Amino acid sequence: MRITVDTNVLISALGWNGAEAAIIEMVLDFELELCLSAQFLSEFYRVIKYPKFGFTDNEIDGFIGKLLPNVVLVSPSQNLYVVRADPDDNKIVECAVAGQSNYIISGDKHLLHLYEYEGIKILRASEFLHLIIHLKDQMK
């Protein structure tokens, strides 16, 4: 199963133990494929440096260094304009489409209000985690 996440999901996974961290652990354990793009990584590095987060360069580099070997890097070939309220969020949708993701995991209200785009469901991390647990139970 392929997923794309927004910047806030990665920041939450780095800083706090919660649904976001559990999802990234599943990526690190090769249970999920995470699609990222160069544009996404640029945005992540810009936002993660905000002083309010207080992450050190070593923490950030260690996190990304551990994550990158496990991701599918994609190069979106089309510009989409589906998130009108916050056009910057379109790069998440573009990444998901280019990577043929099944889900976008986000806490961003502009993305969540789409619910779905071209068959890609958009869920909060906690909703996605609940879905994965349910699917695993069904497979037993």
C-alpha atoms as a PDB file:
ATOM      1  CA  MET A   1       0.000   0.000   0.000  1.00  0.00           C
ATOM      2  CA  ARG A   2       1.358   3.398  -0.982  1.00  0.00           C
ATOM      3  CA  ILE A   3       0.847   6.584   0.977  1.00  0.00           C
ATOM      4  CA  THR A   4       1.788  10.232   0.731  1.00  0.00           C
ATOM      5  CA  VAL A   5       1.920  12.394   3.846  1.00  0.00           C
ATOM      6  CA  ASP A   6       1.914  16.125   4.378  1.00  0.00           C
ATOM      7  CA  THR A   7       4.686  18.041   6.099  1.00  0.00           C
ATOM      8  CA  ASN A   8       2.876  18.151   9.448  1.00  0.00           C
ATOM      9  CA  VAL A   9       2.671  14.359   9.581  1.00  0.00           C
ATOM     10  CA  LEU A  10       6.447  14.041   9.249  1.00  0.00           C
ATOM     11  CA  ILE A  11       7.047  16.778  11.816  1.00  0.00           C
ATOM     12  CA  SER A  12       4.685  15.064  14.263  1.00  0.00           C
ATOM     13  CA  ALA A  13       6.372  11.714  13.630  1.00  0.00           C
ATOM     14  CA  LEU A  14       9.755  13.237  14.408  1.00  0.00           C
ATOM     15  CA  GLY A  15       8.697  15.026  17.569  1.00  0.00           C
ATOM     16  CA  TRP A  16       5.914  13.076  19.204  1.00  0.00           C
ATOM     17  CA  ASN A  17       4.748   9.505  19.732  1.00  0.00           C
ATOM     18  CA  GLY A  18       1.350   9.237  18.153  1.00  0.00           C
ATOM     19  CA  ALA A  19      -0.461   7.937  15.100  1.00  0.00           C
ATOM     20  CA  GLU A  20       1.951   9.800  12.807  1.00  0.00           C
ATOM     21  CA  ALA A  21       4.981   8.148  14.413  1.00  0.00           C
ATOM     22  CA  ALA A  22       3.275   4.739  14.180  1.00  0.00           C
ATOM     23  CA  ILE A  23       2.685   5.252  10.456  1.00  0.00           C
ATOM     24  CA  ILE A  24       6.306   6.235   9.845  1.00  0.00           C
ATOM     25  CA  GLU A  25       7.409   3.157  11.823  1.00  0.00           C
ATOM     26  CA  MET A  26       5.337   1.080   9.402  1.00  0.00           C
ATOM     27  CA  VAL A  27       7.218   2.732   6.523  1.00  0.00           C
ATOM     28  CA  LEU A  28      10.546   1.960   8.207  1.00  0.00           C
ATOM     29  CA  ASP A  29       9.397  -1.660   8.673  1.00  0.00           C
ATOM     30  CA  PHE A  30       8.485  -1.847   4.930  1.00  0.00           C
ATOM     31  CA  GLU A  31       4.801  -2.394   5.733  1.00  0.00           C
ATOM     32  CA  LEU A  32       3.881   0.755   3.783  1.00  0.00           C
ATOM     33  CA  GLU A  33       5.463   2.559   0.849  1.00  0.00           C
ATOM     34  CA  LEU A  34       5.849   6.304   1.354  1.00  0.00           C
ATOM     35  CA  CYS A  35       5.947   8.526  -1.734  1.00  0.00           C
ATOM     36  CA  LEU A  36       7.828  11.815  -1.472  1.00  0.00           C
ATOM     37  CA  SER A  37       9.013  14.376  -3.998  1.00  0.00           C
ATOM     38  CA  ALA A  38      11.893  16.852  -4.044  1.00  0.00           C
ATOM     39  CA  GLN A  39       9.346  19.676  -3.664  1.00  0.00           C
ATOM     40  CA  PHE A  40       7.950  17.989  -0.557  1.00  0.00           C
ATOM     41  CA  LEU A  41      11.391  17.520   0.984  1.00  0.00           C
ATOM     42  CA  SER A  42      12.240  21.164   0.311  1.00  0.00           C
ATOM     43  CA  GLU A  43       9.034  22.232   2.081  1.00  0.00           C
ATOM     44  CA  PHE A  44       9.747  19.874   4.986  1.00  0.00           C
ATOM     45  CA  TYR A  45      13.258  21.272   5.494  1.00  0.00           C
ATOM     46  CA  ARG A  46      11.926  24.829   5.362  1.00  0.00           C
ATOM     47  CA  VAL A  47       9.160  24.235   7.910  1.00  0.00           C
ATOM     48  CA  ILE A  48      11.055  21.936  10.304  1.00  0.00           C
ATOM     49  CA  LYS A  49      13.616  24.709  10.883  1.00  0.00           C
ATOM     50  CA  TYR A  50      11.008  27.012  12.455  1.00  0.00           C
ATOM     51  CA  PRO A  51      12.235  27.898  15.949  1.00  0.00           C
ATOM     52  CA  LYS A  52       8.924  26.845  17.532  1.00  0.00           C
ATOM     53  CA  PHE A  53       9.761  23.186  16.830  1.00  0.00           C
ATOM     54  CA  GLY A  54      13.204  23.312  18.396  1.00  0.00           C
ATOM     55  CA  PHE A  55      14.671  20.368  16.479  1.00  0.00           C
ATOM     56  CA  THR A  56      18.442  20.217  16.081  1.00  0.00           C
ATOM     57  CA  ASP A  57      20.101  19.656  12.720  1.00  0.00           C
ATOM     58  CA  ASN A  58      21.271  16.242  13.986  1.00  0.00           C
ATOM     59  CA  GLU A  59      17.711  15.214  14.890  1.00  0.00           C
ATOM     60  CA  ILE A  60      16.371  16.324  11.516  1.00  0.00           C
ATOM     61  CA  ASP A  61      19.186  14.779   9.489  1.00  0.00           C
ATOM     62  CA  GLY A  62      19.033  11.530  11.476  1.00  0.00           C
ATOM     63  CA  PHE A  63      15.282  11.252  10.930  1.00  0.00           C
ATOM     64  CA  ILE A  64      15.453  11.951   7.187  1.00  0.00           C
ATOM     65  CA  GLY A  65      18.568   9.799   6.807  1.00  0.00           C
ATOM     66  CA  LYS A  66      16.726   6.850   8.330  1.00  0.00           C
ATOM     67  CA  LEU A  67      13.590   7.517   6.275  1.00  0.00           C
ATOM     68  CA  LEU A  68      14.978   8.217   2.783  1.00  0.00           C
ATOM     69  CA  PRO A  69      16.197   4.684   1.991  1.00  0.00           C
ATOM     70  CA  ASN A  70      12.638   3.493   2.602  1.00  0.00           C
ATOM     71  CA  VAL A  71      10.739   5.984   0.434  1.00  0.00           C
ATOM     72  CA  VAL A  72       9.695   6.077  -3.195  1.00  0.00           C
ATOM     73  CA  LEU A  73      10.937   9.355  -4.657  1.00  0.00           C
ATOM     74  CA  VAL A  74       8.651  10.646  -7.379  1.00  0.00           C
ATOM     75  CA  SER A  75       8.805  13.537  -9.824  1.00  0.00           C
ATOM     76  CA  PRO A  76       5.318  14.932 -10.382  1.00  0.00           C
ATOM     77  CA  SER A  77       4.802  15.698 -14.058  1.00  0.00           C
ATOM     78  CA  GLN A  78       1.625  17.726 -13.769  1.00  0.00           C
ATOM     79  CA  ASN A  79       0.638  20.826 -11.853  1.00  0.00           C
ATOM     80  CA  LEU A  80      -2.714  20.423 -10.151  1.00  0.00           C
ATOM     81  CA  TYR A  81      -4.990  23.141  -8.819  1.00  0.00           C
ATOM     82  CA  VAL A  82      -7.422  21.183  -6.693  1.00  0.00           C
ATOM     83  CA  VAL A  83      -6.744  22.793  -3.294  1.00  0.00           C
ATOM     84  CA  ARG A  84      -7.920  26.305  -3.995  1.00  0.00           C
ATOM     85  CA  ALA A  85      -7.951  27.511  -0.365  1.00  0.00           C
ATOM     86  CA  ASP A  86      -4.218  26.759   0.048  1.00  0.00           C
ATOM     87  CA  PRO A  87      -2.439  26.280  -3.302  1.00  0.00           C
ATOM     88  CA  ASP A  88       0.778  25.112  -1.557  1.00  0.00           C
ATOM     89  CA  ASP A  89      -1.093  21.925  -0.612  1.00  0.00           C
ATOM     90  CA  ASN A  90      -1.387  21.003  -4.289  1.00  0.00           C
ATOM     91  CA  LYS A  91       2.196  19.668  -4.203  1.00  0.00           C
ATOM     92  CA  ILE A  92       1.027  16.932  -1.789  1.00  0.00           C
ATOM     93  CA  VAL A  93      -1.722  15.885  -4.188  1.00  0.00           C
ATOM     94  CA  GLU A  94       0.709  16.043  -7.133  1.00  0.00           C
ATOM     95  CA  CYS A  95       3.112  13.767  -5.261  1.00  0.00           C
ATOM     96  CA  ALA A  96       0.343  11.300  -4.419  1.00  0.00           C
ATOM     97  CA  VAL A  97      -0.840  11.169  -8.033  1.00  0.00           C
ATOM     98  CA  ALA A  98       2.701  10.745  -9.398  1.00  0.00           C
ATOM     99  CA  GLY A  99       3.415   7.996  -6.865  1.00  0.00           C
ATOM    100  CA  GLN A 100       0.082   6.258  -7.436  1.00  0.00           C
ATOM    101  CA  SER A 101      -0.625   6.455  -3.714  1.00  0.00           C
ATOM    102  CA  ASN A 102      -3.690   4.849  -2.209  1.00  0.00           C
ATOM    103  CA  TYR A 103      -3.930   7.414   0.599  1.00  0.00           C
ATOM    104  CA  ILE A 104      -2.866  10.900   1.573  1.00  0.00           C
ATOM    105  CA  ILE A 105      -2.324  11.205   5.310  1.00  0.00           C
ATOM    106  CA  SER A 106      -2.820  14.751   6.553  1.00  0.00           C
ATOM    107  CA  GLY A 107      -3.989  16.936   9.380  1.00  0.00           C
ATOM    108  CA  ASP A 108      -4.490  19.880   7.027  1.00  0.00           C
ATOM    109  CA  LYS A 109      -8.133  20.945   6.798  1.00  0.00           C
ATOM    110  CA  HIS A 110      -7.783  22.047   3.182  1.00  0.00           C
ATOM    111  CA  LEU A 111      -6.640  18.592   2.105  1.00  0.00           C
ATOM    112  CA  LEU A 112      -9.082  16.783   4.400  1.00  0.00           C
ATOM    113  CA  HIS A 113     -12.011  18.699   2.879  1.00  0.00           C
ATOM    114  CA  LEU A 114     -11.235  17.074  -0.477  1.00  0.00           C
ATOM    115  CA  TYR A 115     -11.910  13.623   1.090  1.00  0.00           C
ATOM    116  CA  GLU A 116     -10.638  11.951  -2.071  1.00  0.00           C
ATOM    117  CA  TYR A 117      -8.928  12.849  -5.311  1.00  0.00           C
ATOM    118  CA  GLU A 118      -8.848  10.487  -8.295  1.00  0.00           C
ATOM    119  CA  GLY A 119      -9.389   7.487  -6.036  1.00  0.00           C
ATOM    120  CA  ILE A 120      -6.782   8.592  -3.477  1.00  0.00           C
ATOM    121  CA  LYS A 121      -8.483   8.783  -0.094  1.00  0.00           C
ATOM    122  CA  ILE A 122      -7.434  11.591   2.245  1.00  0.00           C
ATOM    123  CA  LEU A 123      -7.465  10.741   5.953  1.00  0.00           C
ATOM    124  CA  ARG A 124      -6.131  11.925   9.286  1.00  0.00           C
ATOM    125  CA  ALA A 125      -3.288   9.821  10.689  1.00  0.00           C
ATOM    126  CA  SER A 126      -5.510   8.374  13.422  1.00  0.00           C
ATOM    127  CA  GLU A 127      -8.196   7.405  10.884  1.00  0.00           C
ATOM    128  CA  PHE A 128      -5.627   5.758   8.637  1.00  0.00           C
ATOM    129  CA  LEU A 129      -4.091   3.844  11.534  1.00  0.00           C
ATOM    130  CA  HIS A 130      -7.545   2.615  12.585  1.00  0.00           C
ATOM    131  CA  LEU A 131      -8.168   1.478   8.996  1.00  0.00           C
ATOM    132  CA  ILE A 132      -4.846  -0.404   8.852  1.00  0.00           C
ATOM    133  CA  ILE A 133      -5.555  -2.169  12.157  1.00  0.00           C
ATOM    134  CA  HIS A 134      -8.999  -3.136  10.882  1.00  0.00           C
ATOM    135  CA  LEU A 135      -7.535  -4.495   7.627  1.00  0.00           C
ATOM    136  CA  LYS A 136      -4.904  -6.510   9.513  1.00  0.00           C
ATOM    137  CA  ASP A 137      -7.623  -7.994  11.734  1.00  0.00           C
ATOM    138  CA  GLN A 138      -9.608  -9.034   8.673  1.00  0.00           C
ATOM    139  CA  MET A 139      -6.575 -10.825   7.248  1.00  0.00           C
ATOM    140  CA  LYS A 140      -6.148 -13.014  10.346  1.00  0.00           C
END
